[in-house]
N, C-alpha and C. Protein backbone atom coordinates (compact mmCIF):
# COMPACT_ATOMS: atom_id res chain seq x y z
N MET A 1 0.84 -1.18 0.00
CA MET A 1 0.00 0.00 0.00
C MET A 1 0.88 1.25 0.00
N ASN A 2 0.54 2.22 -0.76
CA ASN A 2 1.25 3.49 -0.82
C ASN A 2 1.12 4.20 0.53
N MET A 3 2.25 4.63 1.10
CA MET A 3 2.25 5.29 2.40
C MET A 3 1.35 6.52 2.39
N ASP A 4 1.35 7.30 1.30
CA ASP A 4 0.55 8.52 1.24
C ASP A 4 -0.95 8.21 1.38
N ASN A 5 -1.38 7.02 0.97
CA ASN A 5 -2.79 6.64 1.11
C ASN A 5 -3.16 6.35 2.56
N GLU A 6 -2.17 6.00 3.38
CA GLU A 6 -2.43 5.70 4.79
C GLU A 6 -2.36 6.94 5.66
N LEU A 7 -1.73 8.00 5.16
CA LEU A 7 -1.47 9.19 5.96
C LEU A 7 -2.42 10.32 5.61
N GLU A 8 -2.76 11.07 6.65
CA GLU A 8 -3.66 12.20 6.48
C GLU A 8 -3.19 13.33 7.39
N ILE A 9 -3.23 14.55 6.88
CA ILE A 9 -2.89 15.73 7.67
C ILE A 9 -4.19 16.41 8.08
N VAL A 10 -4.32 16.68 9.39
CA VAL A 10 -5.53 17.32 9.90
C VAL A 10 -5.15 18.55 10.70
N ASP A 11 -6.12 19.45 10.85
CA ASP A 11 -5.92 20.63 11.68
C ASP A 11 -5.67 20.19 13.12
N CYS A 12 -4.98 21.02 13.84
CA CYS A 12 -4.63 20.72 15.23
C CYS A 12 -5.77 21.16 16.14
N GLU A 13 -6.76 20.32 16.24
CA GLU A 13 -7.90 20.60 17.09
C GLU A 13 -7.57 20.26 18.54
N GLU A 14 -8.36 20.79 19.44
CA GLU A 14 -8.07 20.69 20.88
C GLU A 14 -7.88 19.25 21.35
N HIS A 15 -8.62 18.31 20.81
CA HIS A 15 -8.48 16.92 21.27
C HIS A 15 -7.12 16.31 20.91
N LEU A 16 -6.33 16.99 20.06
CA LEU A 16 -5.00 16.50 19.67
C LEU A 16 -3.87 17.19 20.44
N TRP A 17 -4.19 18.19 21.22
CA TRP A 17 -3.15 18.93 21.95
C TRP A 17 -2.37 18.04 22.91
N GLU A 18 -3.06 17.13 23.57
CA GLU A 18 -2.38 16.26 24.53
C GLU A 18 -1.43 15.29 23.82
N PHE A 19 -1.80 14.82 22.62
CA PHE A 19 -0.88 13.99 21.84
C PHE A 19 0.42 14.75 21.59
N ILE A 20 0.31 16.00 21.17
CA ILE A 20 1.51 16.80 20.89
C ILE A 20 2.32 17.01 22.16
N ARG A 21 1.65 17.34 23.25
CA ARG A 21 2.35 17.57 24.52
C ARG A 21 3.12 16.33 24.97
N LYS A 22 2.46 15.17 24.92
CA LYS A 22 3.13 13.93 25.34
C LYS A 22 4.30 13.61 24.43
N LEU A 23 4.13 13.80 23.14
CA LEU A 23 5.22 13.52 22.20
C LEU A 23 6.37 14.48 22.44
N ARG A 24 6.05 15.74 22.64
CA ARG A 24 7.08 16.76 22.86
C ARG A 24 7.86 16.50 24.15
N ASN A 25 7.19 15.93 25.15
CA ASN A 25 7.84 15.61 26.43
C ASN A 25 8.53 14.24 26.43
N ASN A 26 8.35 13.46 25.39
CA ASN A 26 8.92 12.12 25.31
C ASN A 26 10.45 12.20 25.28
N PRO A 27 11.14 11.56 26.24
CA PRO A 27 12.61 11.63 26.27
C PRO A 27 13.28 11.12 24.99
N GLU A 28 12.60 10.23 24.26
CA GLU A 28 13.19 9.70 23.03
C GLU A 28 13.29 10.75 21.93
N VAL A 29 12.48 11.79 21.98
CA VAL A 29 12.54 12.83 20.95
C VAL A 29 12.98 14.17 21.51
N GLN A 30 12.88 14.35 22.80
CA GLN A 30 13.14 15.64 23.43
C GLN A 30 14.53 16.18 23.14
N SER A 31 15.53 15.33 23.10
CA SER A 31 16.89 15.80 22.87
C SER A 31 17.08 16.41 21.48
N GLY A 32 16.18 16.11 20.56
CA GLY A 32 16.28 16.66 19.21
C GLY A 32 15.82 18.10 19.11
N PHE A 33 15.11 18.58 20.12
CA PHE A 33 14.61 19.94 20.10
C PHE A 33 15.62 20.91 20.69
N ILE A 34 15.61 22.13 20.20
CA ILE A 34 16.52 23.14 20.72
C ILE A 34 16.19 23.44 22.18
N GLU A 35 14.92 23.61 22.48
CA GLU A 35 14.49 23.79 23.86
C GLU A 35 13.85 22.49 24.33
N ASN A 36 14.28 21.98 25.48
CA ASN A 36 13.70 20.74 25.97
C ASN A 36 13.14 20.90 27.38
N ASN A 37 12.34 21.93 27.58
CA ASN A 37 11.66 22.12 28.85
C ASN A 37 10.43 21.22 28.90
N TYR A 38 10.12 20.74 30.12
CA TYR A 38 8.90 19.96 30.31
C TYR A 38 7.70 20.87 30.07
N ILE A 39 6.70 20.38 29.37
CA ILE A 39 5.50 21.15 29.06
C ILE A 39 4.34 20.57 29.88
N SER A 40 3.78 21.39 30.76
CA SER A 40 2.64 20.96 31.58
C SER A 40 1.35 21.05 30.76
N LYS A 41 0.30 20.43 31.27
CA LYS A 41 -1.00 20.50 30.59
C LYS A 41 -1.49 21.95 30.51
N ASP A 42 -1.29 22.71 31.57
CA ASP A 42 -1.71 24.12 31.56
C ASP A 42 -0.91 24.93 30.54
N ASP A 43 0.42 24.72 30.53
CA ASP A 43 1.26 25.44 29.56
C ASP A 43 0.85 25.09 28.13
N GLN A 44 0.57 23.82 27.90
CA GLN A 44 0.16 23.38 26.56
C GLN A 44 -1.17 24.02 26.15
N ALA A 45 -2.11 24.06 27.08
CA ALA A 45 -3.42 24.66 26.78
C ALA A 45 -3.28 26.14 26.42
N LYS A 46 -2.46 26.85 27.17
CA LYS A 46 -2.24 28.28 26.88
C LYS A 46 -1.55 28.46 25.53
N TYR A 47 -0.49 27.69 25.31
CA TYR A 47 0.28 27.81 24.07
C TYR A 47 -0.58 27.45 22.86
N MET A 48 -1.26 26.32 22.92
CA MET A 48 -2.07 25.88 21.79
C MET A 48 -3.30 26.76 21.60
N GLY A 49 -3.80 27.33 22.69
CA GLY A 49 -4.91 28.27 22.57
C GLY A 49 -4.55 29.45 21.66
N ARG A 50 -3.28 29.83 21.70
CA ARG A 50 -2.79 30.93 20.85
C ARG A 50 -2.27 30.46 19.49
N ASN A 51 -1.73 29.23 19.44
CA ASN A 51 -0.95 28.83 18.26
C ASN A 51 -1.42 27.60 17.51
N SER A 52 -2.49 26.94 17.93
CA SER A 52 -2.89 25.68 17.27
C SER A 52 -3.16 25.86 15.78
N LYS A 53 -3.55 27.06 15.37
CA LYS A 53 -3.82 27.29 13.95
C LYS A 53 -2.54 27.17 13.09
N TYR A 54 -1.38 27.19 13.74
CA TYR A 54 -0.11 27.07 13.02
C TYR A 54 0.44 25.65 13.06
N TYR A 55 -0.34 24.71 13.54
CA TYR A 55 0.08 23.32 13.66
C TYR A 55 -0.85 22.40 12.88
N ARG A 56 -0.31 21.26 12.47
CA ARG A 56 -1.08 20.19 11.85
C ARG A 56 -0.62 18.88 12.48
N VAL A 57 -1.50 17.89 12.45
CA VAL A 57 -1.18 16.57 12.99
C VAL A 57 -1.30 15.56 11.86
N CYS A 58 -0.37 14.62 11.85
CA CYS A 58 -0.37 13.56 10.85
C CYS A 58 -1.00 12.31 11.48
N LEU A 59 -1.99 11.78 10.78
CA LEU A 59 -2.65 10.55 11.22
C LEU A 59 -2.27 9.42 10.26
N LYS A 60 -2.05 8.24 10.81
CA LYS A 60 -1.85 7.04 10.01
C LYS A 60 -3.00 6.11 10.36
N LYS A 61 -3.86 5.89 9.38
CA LYS A 61 -5.07 5.08 9.61
C LYS A 61 -5.84 5.60 10.83
N GLY A 62 -5.91 6.93 10.96
CA GLY A 62 -6.67 7.56 12.03
C GLY A 62 -5.94 7.74 13.35
N ILE A 63 -4.72 7.24 13.46
CA ILE A 63 -3.95 7.33 14.70
C ILE A 63 -2.91 8.45 14.57
N PRO A 64 -2.83 9.37 15.55
CA PRO A 64 -1.81 10.42 15.49
C PRO A 64 -0.41 9.81 15.56
N VAL A 65 0.45 10.19 14.59
CA VAL A 65 1.80 9.65 14.54
C VAL A 65 2.87 10.74 14.49
N GLY A 66 2.47 11.99 14.33
CA GLY A 66 3.43 13.08 14.29
C GLY A 66 2.71 14.40 14.14
N TYR A 67 3.48 15.45 14.22
CA TYR A 67 2.92 16.79 14.04
C TYR A 67 3.95 17.70 13.41
N PHE A 68 3.46 18.80 12.86
CA PHE A 68 4.36 19.85 12.38
C PHE A 68 3.67 21.19 12.55
N GLY A 69 4.48 22.22 12.57
CA GLY A 69 3.96 23.57 12.70
C GLY A 69 5.02 24.58 12.35
N VAL A 70 4.59 25.81 12.20
CA VAL A 70 5.51 26.90 11.91
C VAL A 70 5.12 28.08 12.78
N ILE A 71 6.06 28.53 13.60
CA ILE A 71 5.88 29.70 14.45
C ILE A 71 7.00 30.68 14.10
N LYS A 72 6.60 31.90 13.73
CA LYS A 72 7.57 32.94 13.35
C LYS A 72 8.53 32.42 12.28
N ASN A 73 7.97 31.72 11.30
CA ASN A 73 8.70 31.18 10.15
C ASN A 73 9.69 30.06 10.53
N ASP A 74 9.58 29.53 11.75
CA ASP A 74 10.47 28.48 12.23
C ASP A 74 9.69 27.17 12.31
N ILE A 75 10.21 26.14 11.67
CA ILE A 75 9.54 24.84 11.59
C ILE A 75 9.73 24.04 12.87
N ARG A 76 8.63 23.42 13.29
CA ARG A 76 8.63 22.42 14.36
C ARG A 76 8.04 21.15 13.74
N ILE A 77 8.73 20.04 13.89
CA ILE A 77 8.26 18.79 13.31
C ILE A 77 8.72 17.64 14.18
N CYS A 78 7.85 16.64 14.36
CA CYS A 78 8.21 15.51 15.20
C CYS A 78 7.36 14.30 14.82
N THR A 79 8.01 13.15 14.75
CA THR A 79 7.34 11.88 14.50
C THR A 79 7.47 11.01 15.75
N SER A 80 6.40 10.34 16.13
CA SER A 80 6.44 9.42 17.27
C SER A 80 7.54 8.38 17.05
N PRO A 81 8.31 8.07 18.09
CA PRO A 81 9.43 7.13 17.92
C PRO A 81 9.05 5.82 17.27
N GLU A 82 7.87 5.26 17.60
CA GLU A 82 7.49 3.96 17.03
C GLU A 82 7.13 4.05 15.55
N TYR A 83 7.03 5.27 15.01
CA TYR A 83 6.70 5.44 13.60
C TYR A 83 7.84 6.09 12.80
N GLN A 84 8.99 6.25 13.43
CA GLN A 84 10.13 6.85 12.73
C GLN A 84 10.70 5.87 11.71
N ASN A 85 11.41 6.43 10.73
CA ASN A 85 12.04 5.66 9.65
C ASN A 85 11.02 4.93 8.78
N GLN A 86 9.83 5.52 8.65
CA GLN A 86 8.79 4.95 7.78
C GLN A 86 8.35 5.95 6.71
N GLY A 87 9.06 7.07 6.58
CA GLY A 87 8.71 8.07 5.58
C GLY A 87 7.69 9.10 6.05
N ILE A 88 7.31 9.03 7.31
CA ILE A 88 6.29 9.94 7.82
C ILE A 88 6.83 11.36 7.94
N GLY A 89 8.05 11.52 8.41
CA GLY A 89 8.65 12.84 8.51
C GLY A 89 8.75 13.50 7.14
N GLU A 90 9.16 12.73 6.15
CA GLU A 90 9.27 13.24 4.78
C GLU A 90 7.89 13.66 4.25
N PHE A 91 6.87 12.84 4.52
CA PHE A 91 5.50 13.17 4.11
C PHE A 91 5.05 14.46 4.78
N MET A 92 5.28 14.58 6.09
CA MET A 92 4.85 15.78 6.80
C MET A 92 5.58 17.02 6.29
N LEU A 93 6.86 16.90 6.02
CA LEU A 93 7.62 18.04 5.52
C LEU A 93 7.13 18.47 4.14
N LYS A 94 6.78 17.50 3.31
CA LYS A 94 6.22 17.82 1.98
C LYS A 94 4.91 18.58 2.13
N GLU A 95 4.06 18.15 3.05
CA GLU A 95 2.79 18.83 3.29
C GLU A 95 3.00 20.21 3.91
N LEU A 96 3.94 20.31 4.82
CA LEU A 96 4.26 21.59 5.45
C LEU A 96 4.68 22.62 4.40
N LYS A 97 5.49 22.20 3.45
CA LYS A 97 5.98 23.12 2.41
C LYS A 97 4.85 23.66 1.54
N LYS A 98 3.76 22.93 1.43
CA LYS A 98 2.60 23.42 0.67
C LYS A 98 1.92 24.57 1.40
N ILE A 99 1.93 24.53 2.71
CA ILE A 99 1.26 25.54 3.53
C ILE A 99 2.18 26.73 3.81
N TRP A 100 3.42 26.41 4.19
CA TRP A 100 4.41 27.44 4.56
C TRP A 100 5.68 27.25 3.73
N PRO A 101 5.65 27.60 2.45
CA PRO A 101 6.80 27.32 1.57
C PRO A 101 8.09 28.06 1.94
N LYS A 102 7.99 29.16 2.66
CA LYS A 102 9.19 29.95 2.97
C LYS A 102 9.72 29.70 4.38
N ALA A 103 9.14 28.77 5.11
CA ALA A 103 9.56 28.49 6.49
C ALA A 103 10.94 27.84 6.49
N ASN A 104 11.67 28.07 7.56
CA ASN A 104 13.02 27.54 7.74
C ASN A 104 13.09 26.67 8.99
N ALA A 105 14.15 25.91 9.10
CA ALA A 105 14.34 25.03 10.26
C ALA A 105 15.65 25.34 10.95
N LYS A 106 15.61 25.33 12.28
CA LYS A 106 16.82 25.38 13.09
C LYS A 106 17.00 23.98 13.65
N ILE A 107 18.16 23.38 13.37
CA ILE A 107 18.38 21.99 13.75
C ILE A 107 19.69 21.89 14.53
N LYS A 108 19.66 21.15 15.62
CA LYS A 108 20.88 20.92 16.39
C LYS A 108 21.91 20.18 15.52
N ILE A 109 23.15 20.50 15.71
CA ILE A 109 24.23 19.84 14.97
C ILE A 109 24.20 18.33 15.20
N LYS A 110 23.88 17.91 16.42
CA LYS A 110 23.86 16.48 16.75
C LYS A 110 22.64 15.76 16.20
N ASN A 111 21.63 16.49 15.72
CA ASN A 111 20.40 15.87 15.23
C ASN A 111 20.57 15.50 13.74
N LYS A 112 21.30 14.46 13.51
CA LYS A 112 21.63 14.03 12.14
C LYS A 112 20.40 13.58 11.36
N ALA A 113 19.44 12.95 12.04
CA ALA A 113 18.23 12.49 11.35
C ALA A 113 17.44 13.67 10.77
N SER A 114 17.28 14.72 11.57
CA SER A 114 16.56 15.90 11.07
C SER A 114 17.33 16.59 9.95
N GLN A 115 18.62 16.68 10.11
CA GLN A 115 19.43 17.29 9.04
C GLN A 115 19.25 16.52 7.73
N ALA A 116 19.31 15.21 7.81
CA ALA A 116 19.16 14.38 6.60
C ALA A 116 17.77 14.58 5.99
N LEU A 117 16.73 14.62 6.82
CA LEU A 117 15.37 14.82 6.34
C LEU A 117 15.26 16.14 5.57
N PHE A 118 15.73 17.21 6.16
CA PHE A 118 15.60 18.52 5.52
C PHE A 118 16.46 18.63 4.27
N LEU A 119 17.68 18.12 4.30
CA LEU A 119 18.54 18.17 3.11
C LEU A 119 17.93 17.36 1.97
N LYS A 120 17.37 16.21 2.29
CA LYS A 120 16.72 15.35 1.29
C LYS A 120 15.49 16.03 0.69
N SER A 121 14.87 16.91 1.48
CA SER A 121 13.63 17.57 1.06
C SER A 121 13.86 18.92 0.39
N GLY A 122 15.10 19.22 0.04
CA GLY A 122 15.38 20.44 -0.73
C GLY A 122 15.85 21.64 0.06
N TYR A 123 16.08 21.49 1.35
CA TYR A 123 16.62 22.59 2.15
C TYR A 123 18.14 22.56 2.07
N SER A 124 18.76 23.71 2.35
CA SER A 124 20.22 23.76 2.35
C SER A 124 20.71 24.44 3.61
N LYS A 125 21.92 24.10 4.02
CA LYS A 125 22.52 24.72 5.20
C LYS A 125 22.93 26.14 4.83
N THR A 126 22.46 27.10 5.63
CA THR A 126 22.74 28.50 5.33
C THR A 126 23.46 29.20 6.48
N PHE A 127 23.13 28.87 7.72
CA PHE A 127 23.71 29.53 8.88
C PHE A 127 24.25 28.52 9.87
N ILE A 128 25.20 28.97 10.65
CA ILE A 128 25.64 28.23 11.82
C ILE A 128 25.48 29.20 12.99
N ILE A 129 24.81 28.78 14.03
CA ILE A 129 24.61 29.61 15.20
C ILE A 129 25.52 29.07 16.31
N LEU A 130 26.33 29.92 16.85
CA LEU A 130 27.25 29.54 17.91
C LEU A 130 26.76 30.14 19.23
N GLU A 131 26.70 29.30 20.26
CA GLU A 131 26.24 29.75 21.57
C GLU A 131 27.43 29.88 22.52
N ASN A 132 27.34 30.85 23.40
CA ASN A 132 28.35 31.03 24.42
C ASN A 132 28.05 30.07 25.57
N LYS A 133 28.82 29.03 25.70
CA LYS A 133 28.59 28.01 26.73
C LYS A 133 29.14 28.46 28.09
N ASN A 134 29.80 29.62 28.15
CA ASN A 134 30.36 30.12 29.40
C ASN A 134 29.36 30.91 30.22
N LEU A 135 28.14 31.05 29.74
CA LEU A 135 27.13 31.82 30.48
C LEU A 135 26.46 30.98 31.53
């Protein structure tokens, strides 16, 4: 079966906010994010109350398997660990580009999987951001 036939992108409605929060707090994916603060249910409700219109959720046969969004032209994308390496991230990025074609991604140097996904999808490395670790 074609993977695209199994996958569907839906608006980020309130009943999906907890899926995103749990995935974002999952230790298996948390290290890939630039900020890895724990997100409480209250924080998620406030944040999504303002920003859910900038997010989409990917369903596989009706089950949430990942999400993507763009805030201030910055891409956020994540696939559930049990569904990684199945082409879902690539599918989501393709769909994201239809909605937000000019959005960019900030990716940690150590996050090789995300770098490979974005490079494969037509993005190029443009900047290197250096942080002062002495602060």
